[in-house]
Amino acid sequence: MKIINFMGKKKIIYIVTVVLLLASFIAMFTKGFNLGPDFAGGTLLEIKLSEHIATDDIKAIFKESDIQETEANHYIIKGSALSEEEYNNKMNQLKEKFGQIEVVKNDTVSGVIGSELSQKAILALALASLGIIIYLTIRFELFFGIGGILSSLHDIIVLLGIFALFQIQIGMSFIAAILTIVGYSINDTIVIYDRIRENLKVPSYQKDSKELIVNRSITQTLGRSITTVVCVLIVLISLYFLGSSSTHEFTLAMIIGTIIGMYSSIAVASPLWLDLSRKFSGKKFLNNN
């Protein structure tokens, strides 16, 4: 088996990674996030009409709201929180003007609740990250844990940057997607890390450089990683195009995150471990169990 020299391109990989992170931060700080009612507070309506209606006609009733047509005769209305009286009044106006209406989704969240959800989302991510680094440190070594969590942080930042750049709405399903992506990415990283650890113990590899061992480990697991990603993407893409509009936010985040996660497992986690272990090679952090 021909060993691919990934670590020989480490400088290029680091440059690409830094560029991705910088571009993501620029997008986040210049464009901000398109927060859904889950976080910003407000009302999110998804309605289905019996015939196609121009969004401007619906906006005449929901004057301060954002109207989007997601698919044939399906519309998403996002705006400030509506009281029960305001909601009933607007629904009556829609029925009088456009006939039969099916309310697919009706979510109203106050600004206070949205702020609490934001805090809980950050807490969930922090706890997940802490759990991951503790597990990897116990199971492998400290530098595996650091490399794994930094690669996951890379995935989150780039995903947030893409959503900010294209102003894709972020709701609670996006947070669920992030947690899922972190778990998926770490799983892929662990497969590579486990192979690195096993190859470090092989007697015939003892004279090999760490670069060669990392390259060999990534090459040995590359087929598995690609096959897994392709299978997952087939399912997610099918769900995105064939599923309801309510699943689009989650599946789109998963599609992007799955691709980013595969990149980070190879191009972020492995080089980070290599550099950290080399710099602190005199310290005994390795768990040989």
C-alpha atoms as a PDB file:
ATOM      1  CA  MET A   1       0.000   0.000   0.000  1.00  0.00           C
ATOM      2  CA  LYS A   2       1.346   3.382  -1.035  1.00  0.00           C
ATOM      3  CA  ILE A   3       1.545   5.758   1.923  1.00  0.00           C
ATOM      4  CA  ILE A   4       0.230   9.257   1.178  1.00  0.00           C
ATOM      5  CA  ASN A   5       2.504  11.993   2.504  1.00  0.00           C
ATOM      6  CA  PHE A   6      -0.116  14.162   4.272  1.00  0.00           C
ATOM      7  CA  MET A   7       2.362  15.558   6.794  1.00  0.00           C
ATOM      8  CA  GLY A   8       4.647  16.667   3.993  1.00  0.00           C
ATOM      9  CA  LYS A   9       1.927  19.144   3.049  1.00  0.00           C
ATOM     10  CA  LYS A  10       1.447  20.235   6.657  1.00  0.00           C
ATOM     11  CA  LYS A  11       2.376  23.881   6.063  1.00  0.00           C
ATOM     12  CA  ILE A  12      -0.087  24.156   3.193  1.00  0.00           C
ATOM     13  CA  ILE A  13      -2.748  22.464   5.343  1.00  0.00           C
ATOM     14  CA  TYR A  14      -2.144  24.937   8.180  1.00  0.00           C
ATOM     15  CA  ILE A  15      -2.367  27.884   5.783  1.00  0.00           C
ATOM     16  CA  VAL A  16      -5.673  26.627   4.345  1.00  0.00           C
ATOM     17  CA  THR A  17      -7.017  26.044   7.861  1.00  0.00           C
ATOM     18  CA  VAL A  18      -6.021  29.531   9.041  1.00  0.00           C
ATOM     19  CA  VAL A  19      -7.576  31.105   5.927  1.00  0.00           C
ATOM     20  CA  LEU A  20     -10.823  29.212   6.549  1.00  0.00           C
ATOM     21  CA  LEU A  21     -10.906  30.352  10.176  1.00  0.00           C
ATOM     22  CA  LEU A  22     -10.110  33.983   9.335  1.00  0.00           C
ATOM     23  CA  ALA A  23     -12.758  34.046   6.598  1.00  0.00           C
ATOM     24  CA  SER A  24     -15.267  32.571   9.040  1.00  0.00           C
ATOM     25  CA  PHE A  25     -14.498  35.171  11.721  1.00  0.00           C
ATOM     26  CA  ILE A  26     -14.746  37.988   9.162  1.00  0.00           C
ATOM     27  CA  ALA A  27     -18.151  36.701   8.003  1.00  0.00           C
ATOM     28  CA  MET A  28     -19.398  36.379  11.588  1.00  0.00           C
ATOM     29  CA  PHE A  29     -18.268  39.845  12.692  1.00  0.00           C
ATOM     30  CA  THR A  30     -19.210  41.733   9.524  1.00  0.00           C
ATOM     31  CA  LYS A  31     -22.486  40.065   8.571  1.00  0.00           C
ATOM     32  CA  GLY A  32     -23.657  38.657  11.890  1.00  0.00           C
ATOM     33  CA  PHE A  33     -26.108  35.789  12.243  1.00  0.00           C
ATOM     34  CA  ASN A  34     -29.611  35.376  10.907  1.00  0.00           C
ATOM     35  CA  LEU A  35     -31.106  34.226  14.201  1.00  0.00           C
ATOM     36  CA  GLY A  36     -34.472  32.514  14.103  1.00  0.00           C
ATOM     37  CA  PRO A  37     -37.241  33.091  16.650  1.00  0.00           C
ATOM     38  CA  ASP A  38     -35.733  30.387  18.866  1.00  0.00           C
ATOM     39  CA  PHE A  39     -32.930  32.811  19.752  1.00  0.00           C
ATOM     40  CA  ALA A  40     -33.999  36.289  18.663  1.00  0.00           C
ATOM     41  CA  GLY A  41     -37.576  35.909  19.866  1.00  0.00           C
ATOM     42  CA  GLY A  42     -40.623  36.365  17.667  1.00  0.00           C
ATOM     43  CA  THR A  43     -43.110  34.319  15.682  1.00  0.00           C
ATOM     44  CA  LEU A  44     -42.289  31.791  12.987  1.00  0.00           C
ATOM     45  CA  LEU A  45     -45.202  30.683  10.827  1.00  0.00           C
ATOM     46  CA  GLU A  46     -45.148  28.128   8.057  1.00  0.00           C
ATOM     47  CA  ILE A  47     -48.340  28.067   6.011  1.00  0.00           C
ATOM     48  CA  LYS A  48     -49.585  26.215   2.951  1.00  0.00           C
ATOM     49  CA  LEU A  49     -52.007  27.893   0.564  1.00  0.00           C
ATOM     50  CA  SER A  50     -54.262  26.280  -2.011  1.00  0.00           C
ATOM     51  CA  GLU A  51     -52.629  28.254  -4.837  1.00  0.00           C
ATOM     52  CA  HIS A  52     -49.504  30.254  -5.558  1.00  0.00           C
ATOM     53  CA  ILE A  53     -49.539  33.764  -4.067  1.00  0.00           C
ATOM     54  CA  ALA A  54     -46.906  36.457  -4.488  1.00  0.00           C
ATOM     55  CA  THR A  55     -44.941  37.058  -1.293  1.00  0.00           C
ATOM     56  CA  ASP A  56     -45.722  40.801  -1.573  1.00  0.00           C
ATOM     57  CA  ASP A  57     -49.431  40.012  -1.202  1.00  0.00           C
ATOM     58  CA  ILE A  58     -48.768  38.145   2.043  1.00  0.00           C
ATOM     59  CA  LYS A  59     -46.433  40.917   3.208  1.00  0.00           C
ATOM     60  CA  ALA A  60     -49.352  43.334   2.877  1.00  0.00           C
ATOM     61  CA  ILE A  61     -50.848  41.536   5.884  1.00  0.00           C
ATOM     62  CA  PHE A  62     -47.604  40.753   7.729  1.00  0.00           C
ATOM     63  CA  LYS A  63     -46.053  44.189   7.113  1.00  0.00           C
ATOM     64  CA  GLU A  64     -43.011  43.953   9.415  1.00  0.00           C
ATOM     65  CA  SER A  65     -42.249  40.313   8.683  1.00  0.00           C
ATOM     66  CA  ASP A  66     -39.860  38.457   6.410  1.00  0.00           C
ATOM     67  CA  ILE A  67     -41.697  36.240   3.885  1.00  0.00           C
ATOM     68  CA  GLN A  68     -40.057  33.325   2.084  1.00  0.00           C
ATOM     69  CA  GLU A  69     -41.531  30.813  -0.337  1.00  0.00           C
ATOM     70  CA  THR A  70     -39.773  27.536   0.437  1.00  0.00           C
ATOM     71  CA  GLU A  71     -41.598  25.299  -2.041  1.00  0.00           C
ATOM     72  CA  ALA A  72     -44.765  25.283  -4.112  1.00  0.00           C
ATOM     73  CA  ASN A  73     -47.484  27.152  -2.160  1.00  0.00           C
ATOM     74  CA  HIS A  74     -45.475  26.872   1.087  1.00  0.00           C
ATOM     75  CA  TYR A  75     -44.483  30.099   2.843  1.00  0.00           C
ATOM     76  CA  ILE A  76     -42.436  30.902   5.948  1.00  0.00           C
ATOM     77  CA  ILE A  77     -43.332  34.089   7.806  1.00  0.00           C
ATOM     78  CA  LYS A  78     -40.808  35.349  10.354  1.00  0.00           C
ATOM     79  CA  GLY A  79     -41.424  38.444  12.432  1.00  0.00           C
ATOM     80  CA  SER A  80     -41.980  39.903  15.878  1.00  0.00           C
ATOM     81  CA  ALA A  81     -43.966  37.948  18.451  1.00  0.00           C
ATOM     82  CA  LEU A  82     -47.720  37.962  17.846  1.00  0.00           C
ATOM     83  CA  SER A  83     -50.328  37.900  20.575  1.00  0.00           C
ATOM     84  CA  GLU A  84     -53.193  35.437  20.236  1.00  0.00           C
ATOM     85  CA  GLU A  85     -55.494  38.249  19.123  1.00  0.00           C
ATOM     86  CA  GLU A  86     -53.008  39.495  16.494  1.00  0.00           C
ATOM     87  CA  TYR A  87     -52.450  35.954  15.237  1.00  0.00           C
ATOM     88  CA  ASN A  88     -56.184  35.246  14.853  1.00  0.00           C
ATOM     89  CA  ASN A  89     -56.726  38.584  13.127  1.00  0.00           C
ATOM     90  CA  LYS A  90     -54.013  37.951  10.555  1.00  0.00           C
ATOM     91  CA  MET A  91     -55.160  34.383   9.929  1.00  0.00           C
ATOM     92  CA  ASN A  92     -58.676  35.674   9.255  1.00  0.00           C
ATOM     93  CA  GLN A  93     -57.283  38.219   6.798  1.00  0.00           C
ATOM     94  CA  LEU A  94     -55.367  35.497   4.983  1.00  0.00           C
ATOM     95  CA  LYS A  95     -58.449  33.278   4.746  1.00  0.00           C
ATOM     96  CA  GLU A  96     -60.604  36.119   3.459  1.00  0.00           C
ATOM     97  CA  LYS A  97     -58.050  37.060   0.807  1.00  0.00           C
ATOM     98  CA  PHE A  98     -56.577  33.702  -0.256  1.00  0.00           C
ATOM     99  CA  GLY A  99     -59.085  31.051   0.810  1.00  0.00           C
ATOM    100  CA  GLN A 100     -58.141  27.820   2.563  1.00  0.00           C
ATOM    101  CA  ILE A 101     -54.961  27.916   4.653  1.00  0.00           C
ATOM    102  CA  GLU A 102     -53.063  25.112   6.367  1.00  0.00           C
ATOM    103  CA  VAL A 103     -50.818  26.161   9.246  1.00  0.00           C
ATOM    104  CA  VAL A 104     -47.859  23.776   9.127  1.00  0.00           C
ATOM    105  CA  LYS A 105     -45.895  25.418  11.931  1.00  0.00           C
ATOM    106  CA  ASN A 106     -46.586  28.134  14.491  1.00  0.00           C
ATOM    107  CA  ASP A 107     -43.809  28.916  16.970  1.00  0.00           C
ATOM    108  CA  THR A 108     -43.668  31.984  19.193  1.00  0.00           C
ATOM    109  CA  VAL A 109     -40.735  32.660  21.508  1.00  0.00           C
ATOM    110  CA  SER A 110     -40.215  35.718  23.685  1.00  0.00           C
ATOM    111  CA  GLY A 111     -36.901  37.568  23.742  1.00  0.00           C
ATOM    112  CA  VAL A 112     -36.250  36.381  27.319  1.00  0.00           C
ATOM    113  CA  ILE A 113     -36.758  32.732  26.378  1.00  0.00           C
ATOM    114  CA  GLY A 114     -34.569  33.222  23.312  1.00  0.00           C
ATOM    115  CA  SER A 115     -31.765  34.538  25.527  1.00  0.00           C
ATOM    116  CA  GLU A 116     -32.116  31.551  27.867  1.00  0.00           C
ATOM    117  CA  LEU A 117     -31.961  29.155  24.912  1.00  0.00           C
ATOM    118  CA  SER A 118     -28.769  30.843  23.708  1.00  0.00           C
ATOM    119  CA  GLN A 119     -27.151  30.398  27.123  1.00  0.00           C
ATOM    120  CA  LYS A 120     -28.223  26.747  27.293  1.00  0.00           C
ATOM    121  CA  ALA A 121     -26.889  26.119  23.782  1.00  0.00           C
ATOM    122  CA  ILE A 122     -23.481  27.532  24.734  1.00  0.00           C
ATOM    123  CA  LEU A 123     -23.497  25.486  27.948  1.00  0.00           C
ATOM    124  CA  ALA A 124     -24.334  22.318  26.005  1.00  0.00           C
ATOM    125  CA  LEU A 125     -21.426  22.902  23.625  1.00  0.00           C
ATOM    126  CA  ALA A 126     -19.052  23.647  26.513  1.00  0.00           C
ATOM    127  CA  LEU A 127     -20.041  20.486  28.400  1.00  0.00           C
ATOM    128  CA  ALA A 128     -19.754  18.374  25.255  1.00  0.00           C
ATOM    129  CA  SER A 129     -16.271  19.775  24.582  1.00  0.00           C
ATOM    130  CA  LEU A 130     -15.174  19.153  28.175  1.00  0.00           C
ATOM    131  CA  GLY A 131     -16.455  15.581  28.065  1.00  0.00           C
ATOM    132  CA  ILE A 132     -14.646  14.918  24.797  1.00  0.00           C
ATOM    133  CA  ILE A 133     -11.275  16.220  25.967  1.00  0.00           C
ATOM    134  CA  ILE A 134     -11.546  14.258  29.246  1.00  0.00           C
ATOM    135  CA  TYR A 135     -12.408  11.036  27.386  1.00  0.00           C
ATOM    136  CA  LEU A 136      -9.622  11.407  24.835  1.00  0.00           C
ATOM    137  CA  THR A 137      -7.094  12.243  27.544  1.00  0.00           C
ATOM    138  CA  ILE A 138      -8.022   9.146  29.560  1.00  0.00           C
ATOM    139  CA  ARG A 139      -8.361   6.856  26.537  1.00  0.00           C
ATOM    140  CA  PHE A 140      -5.290   8.087  24.664  1.00  0.00           C
ATOM    141  CA  GLU A 141      -3.192  11.010  25.929  1.00  0.00           C
ATOM    142  CA  LEU A 142      -3.496  14.706  26.685  1.00  0.00           C
ATOM    143  CA  PHE A 143      -2.322  15.830  23.239  1.00  0.00           C
ATOM    144  CA  PHE A 144      -4.844  13.596  21.495  1.00  0.00           C
ATOM    145  CA  GLY A 145      -7.508  15.310  23.583  1.00  0.00           C
ATOM    146  CA  ILE A 146      -6.238  18.797  22.739  1.00  0.00           C
ATOM    147  CA  GLY A 147      -5.966  17.961  19.027  1.00  0.00           C
ATOM    148  CA  GLY A 148      -9.425  16.433  18.973  1.00  0.00           C
ATOM    149  CA  ILE A 149     -11.174  19.341  20.674  1.00  0.00           C
ATOM    150  CA  LEU A 150      -9.350  21.967  18.591  1.00  0.00           C
ATOM    151  CA  SER A 151     -10.350  20.182  15.391  1.00  0.00           C
ATOM    152  CA  SER A 152     -13.976  20.122  16.585  1.00  0.00           C
ATOM    153  CA  LEU A 153     -13.764  23.817  17.438  1.00  0.00           C
ATOM    154  CA  HIS A 154     -12.496  24.386  13.891  1.00  0.00           C
ATOM    155  CA  ASP A 155     -15.588  22.583  12.528  1.00  0.00           C
ATOM    156  CA  ILE A 156     -17.944  24.752  14.590  1.00  0.00           C
ATOM    157  CA  ILE A 157     -16.257  28.036  13.628  1.00  0.00           C
ATOM    158  CA  VAL A 158     -16.204  27.274   9.887  1.00  0.00           C
ATOM    159  CA  LEU A 159     -19.828  26.103   9.951  1.00  0.00           C
ATOM    160  CA  LEU A 160     -20.882  29.278  11.786  1.00  0.00           C
ATOM    161  CA  GLY A 161     -18.911  31.327   9.261  1.00  0.00           C
ATOM    162  CA  ILE A 162     -20.695  29.714   6.313  1.00  0.00           C
ATOM    163  CA  PHE A 163     -24.120  30.276   7.903  1.00  0.00           C
ATOM    164  CA  ALA A 164     -23.188  33.898   8.630  1.00  0.00           C
ATOM    165  CA  LEU A 165     -21.831  34.485   5.109  1.00  0.00           C
ATOM    166  CA  PHE A 166     -24.985  33.236   3.400  1.00  0.00           C
ATOM    167  CA  GLN A 167     -27.310  34.493   6.152  1.00  0.00           C
ATOM    168  CA  ILE A 168     -28.886  31.082   6.666  1.00  0.00           C
ATOM    169  CA  GLN A 169     -31.319  31.110   9.550  1.00  0.00           C
ATOM    170  CA  ILE A 170     -30.097  29.591  12.816  1.00  0.00           C
ATOM    171  CA  GLY A 171     -32.512  27.912  15.204  1.00  0.00           C
ATOM    172  CA  MET A 172     -32.438  25.172  17.825  1.00  0.00           C
ATOM    173  CA  SER A 173     -32.133  22.475  15.152  1.00  0.00           C
ATOM    174  CA  PHE A 174     -28.827  24.106  14.169  1.00  0.00           C
ATOM    175  CA  ILE A 175     -27.525  23.571  17.706  1.00  0.00           C
ATOM    176  CA  ALA A 176     -28.609  19.931  17.506  1.00  0.00           C
ATOM    177  CA  ALA A 177     -26.720  19.668  14.217  1.00  0.00           C
ATOM    178  CA  ILE A 178     -23.560  21.185  15.746  1.00  0.00           C
ATOM    179  CA  LEU A 179     -23.588  18.708  18.638  1.00  0.00           C
ATOM    180  CA  THR A 180     -24.123  15.861  16.175  1.00  0.00           C
ATOM    181  CA  ILE A 181     -21.301  17.112  13.944  1.00  0.00           C
ATOM    182  CA  VAL A 182     -18.925  17.374  16.917  1.00  0.00           C
ATOM    183  CA  GLY A 183     -19.720  13.772  17.853  1.00  0.00           C
ATOM    184  CA  TYR A 184     -19.348  12.566  14.270  1.00  0.00           C
ATOM    185  CA  SER A 185     -16.087  14.451  13.718  1.00  0.00           C
ATOM    186  CA  ILE A 186     -14.604  13.191  16.981  1.00  0.00           C
ATOM    187  CA  ASN A 187     -15.565   9.635  16.044  1.00  0.00           C
ATOM    188  CA  ASP A 188     -13.655   9.968  12.772  1.00  0.00           C
ATOM    189  CA  THR A 189     -10.731  11.542  14.623  1.00  0.00           C
ATOM    190  CA  ILE A 190     -10.669   8.731  17.187  1.00  0.00           C
ATOM    191  CA  VAL A 191     -10.404   6.144  14.386  1.00  0.00           C
ATOM    192  CA  ILE A 192      -7.245   7.871  13.109  1.00  0.00           C
ATOM    193  CA  TYR A 193      -5.853   8.461  16.610  1.00  0.00           C
ATOM    194  CA  ASP A 194      -6.415   4.835  17.561  1.00  0.00           C
ATOM    195  CA  ARG A 195      -4.534   3.697  14.477  1.00  0.00           C
ATOM    196  CA  ILE A 196      -1.688   6.105  15.301  1.00  0.00           C
ATOM    197  CA  ARG A 197      -1.465   4.703  18.818  1.00  0.00           C
ATOM    198  CA  GLU A 198      -1.485   1.109  17.558  1.00  0.00           C
ATOM    199  CA  ASN A 199       1.163   1.845  14.928  1.00  0.00           C
ATOM    200  CA  LEU A 200       3.383   3.457  17.574  1.00  0.00           C
ATOM    201  CA  LYS A 201       3.473   0.054  19.315  1.00  0.00           C
ATOM    202  CA  VAL A 202       4.327  -2.042  16.225  1.00  0.00           C
ATOM    203  CA  PRO A 203       7.951  -3.262  16.639  1.00  0.00           C
ATOM    204  CA  SER A 204       8.786  -2.926  12.935  1.00  0.00           C
ATOM    205  CA  TYR A 205       7.709   0.750  13.001  1.00  0.00           C
ATOM    206  CA  GLN A 206       9.810   1.769  16.001  1.00  0.00           C
ATOM    207  CA  LYS A 207      12.534   3.316  13.838  1.00  0.00           C
ATOM    208  CA  ASP A 208      10.024   5.213  11.687  1.00  0.00           C
ATOM    209  CA  SER A 209       9.536   8.942  12.159  1.00  0.00           C
ATOM    210  CA  LYS A 210       6.304  10.193  13.701  1.00  0.00           C
ATOM    211  CA  GLU A 211       5.468  11.829  10.360  1.00  0.00           C
ATOM    212  CA  LEU A 212       5.629   8.453   8.639  1.00  0.00           C
ATOM    213  CA  ILE A 213       3.538   6.800  11.353  1.00  0.00           C
ATOM    214  CA  VAL A 214       0.861   9.519  11.078  1.00  0.00           C
ATOM    215  CA  ASN A 215       0.881   9.295   7.271  1.00  0.00           C
ATOM    216  CA  ARG A 216       0.599   5.513   7.439  1.00  0.00           C
ATOM    217  CA  SER A 217      -2.266   5.712   9.950  1.00  0.00           C
ATOM    218  CA  ILE A 218      -4.267   8.240   7.892  1.00  0.00           C
ATOM    219  CA  THR A 219      -3.691   6.249   4.696  1.00  0.00           C
ATOM    220  CA  GLN A 220      -4.856   3.029   6.372  1.00  0.00           C
ATOM    221  CA  THR A 221      -8.090   4.630   7.593  1.00  0.00           C
ATOM    222  CA  LEU A 222      -8.730   6.907   4.586  1.00  0.00           C
ATOM    223  CA  GLY A 223     -10.892   4.392   2.709  1.00  0.00           C
ATOM    224  CA  ARG A 224     -13.091   3.874   5.747  1.00  0.00           C
ATOM    225  CA  SER A 225     -13.457   7.628   6.276  1.00  0.00           C
ATOM    226  CA  ILE A 226     -14.403   8.340   2.653  1.00  0.00           C
ATOM    227  CA  THR A 227     -16.901   5.468   2.521  1.00  0.00           C
ATOM    228  CA  THR A 228     -18.569   6.619   5.738  1.00  0.00           C
ATOM    229  CA  VAL A 229     -18.779  10.252   4.613  1.00  0.00           C
ATOM    230  CA  VAL A 230     -20.221   9.320   1.192  1.00  0.00           C
ATOM    231  CA  CYS A 231     -22.891   7.092   2.764  1.00  0.00           C
ATOM    232  CA  VAL A 232     -23.836   9.774   5.299  1.00  0.00           C
ATOM    233  CA  LEU A 233     -23.971  12.461   2.596  1.00  0.00           C
ATOM    234  CA  ILE A 234     -26.255  10.342   0.406  1.00  0.00           C
ATOM    235  CA  VAL A 235     -28.731  10.053   3.271  1.00  0.00           C
ATOM    236  CA  LEU A 236     -28.488  13.737   4.226  1.00  0.00           C
ATOM    237  CA  ILE A 237     -28.827  15.036   0.668  1.00  0.00           C
ATOM    238  CA  SER A 238     -31.848  12.801   0.125  1.00  0.00           C
ATOM    239  CA  LEU A 239     -33.390  14.078   3.345  1.00  0.00           C
ATOM    240  CA  TYR A 240     -32.702  17.698   2.360  1.00  0.00           C
ATOM    241  CA  PHE A 241     -34.415  17.464  -1.021  1.00  0.00           C
ATOM    242  CA  LEU A 242     -37.142  14.964  -0.155  1.00  0.00           C
ATOM    243  CA  GLY A 243     -37.837  15.918   3.457  1.00  0.00           C
ATOM    244  CA  SER A 244     -40.044  18.733   4.702  1.00  0.00           C
ATOM    245  CA  SER A 245     -38.790  22.304   4.923  1.00  0.00           C
ATOM    246  CA  SER A 246     -38.653  22.015   8.710  1.00  0.00           C
ATOM    247  CA  THR A 247     -35.659  19.642   8.391  1.00  0.00           C
ATOM    248  CA  HIS A 248     -33.678  21.823   5.956  1.00  0.00           C
ATOM    249  CA  GLU A 249     -31.761  23.767   8.602  1.00  0.00           C
ATOM    250  CA  PHE A 250     -30.615  20.606  10.365  1.00  0.00           C
ATOM    251  CA  THR A 251     -29.730  18.631   7.232  1.00  0.00           C
ATOM    252  CA  LEU A 252     -27.911  21.545   5.552  1.00  0.00           C
ATOM    253  CA  ALA A 253     -25.776  22.069   8.655  1.00  0.00           C
ATOM    254  CA  MET A 254     -25.082  18.332   8.778  1.00  0.00           C
ATOM    255  CA  ILE A 255     -24.082  18.189   5.098  1.00  0.00           C
ATOM    256  CA  ILE A 256     -21.610  21.052   5.482  1.00  0.00           C
ATOM    257  CA  GLY A 257     -20.380  19.849   8.874  1.00  0.00           C
ATOM    258  CA  THR A 258     -19.794  16.280   7.680  1.00  0.00           C
ATOM    259  CA  ILE A 259     -17.483  17.493   4.908  1.00  0.00           C
ATOM    260  CA  ILE A 260     -15.677  19.920   7.225  1.00  0.00           C
ATOM    261  CA  GLY A 261     -15.377  17.214   9.884  1.00  0.00           C
ATOM    262  CA  MET A 262     -13.639  14.816   7.524  1.00  0.00           C
ATOM    263  CA  TYR A 263     -11.181  17.548   6.551  1.00  0.00           C
ATOM    264  CA  SER A 264     -10.425  18.474  10.166  1.00  0.00           C
ATOM    265  CA  SER A 265      -9.892  14.864  11.260  1.00  0.00           C
ATOM    266  CA  ILE A 266      -7.129  14.511   8.690  1.00  0.00           C
ATOM    267  CA  ALA A 267      -5.782  18.031   8.239  1.00  0.00           C
ATOM    268  CA  VAL A 268      -6.236  19.546  11.707  1.00  0.00           C
ATOM    269  CA  ALA A 269      -6.347  16.871  14.418  1.00  0.00           C
ATOM    270  CA  SER A 270      -3.452  14.717  13.164  1.00  0.00           C
ATOM    271  CA  PRO A 271      -0.924  17.531  12.488  1.00  0.00           C
ATOM    272  CA  LEU A 272      -1.797  19.138  15.829  1.00  0.00           C
ATOM    273  CA  TRP A 273      -1.067  15.911  17.687  1.00  0.00           C
ATOM    274  CA  LEU A 274       2.165  15.490  15.752  1.00  0.00           C
ATOM    275  CA  ASP A 275       3.429  18.969  16.604  1.00  0.00           C
ATOM    276  CA  LEU A 276       2.315  18.864  20.239  1.00  0.00           C
ATOM    277  CA  SER A 277       3.782  15.416  20.875  1.00  0.00           C
ATOM    278  CA  ARG A 278       7.053  16.429  19.253  1.00  0.00           C
ATOM    279  CA  LYS A 279       7.348  19.652  21.247  1.00  0.00           C
ATOM    280  CA  PHE A 280       6.611  17.917  24.543  1.00  0.00           C
ATOM    281  CA  SER A 281       8.228  14.564  23.677  1.00  0.00           C
ATOM    282  CA  GLY A 282      10.052  14.497  26.987  1.00  0.00           C
ATOM    283  CA  LYS A 283       6.830  14.323  28.976  1.00  0.00           C
ATOM    284  CA  LYS A 284       5.073  11.008  29.621  1.00  0.00           C
ATOM    285  CA  PHE A 285       1.453  11.562  28.697  1.00  0.00           C
ATOM    286  CA  LEU A 286       0.856   8.432  26.639  1.00  0.00           C
ATOM    287  CA  ASN A 287      -1.708   5.915  27.892  1.00  0.00           C
ATOM    288  CA  ASN A 288      -0.524   2.511  26.690  1.00  0.00           C
ATOM    289  CA  ASN A 289      -3.565   0.587  27.905  1.00  0.00           C
END
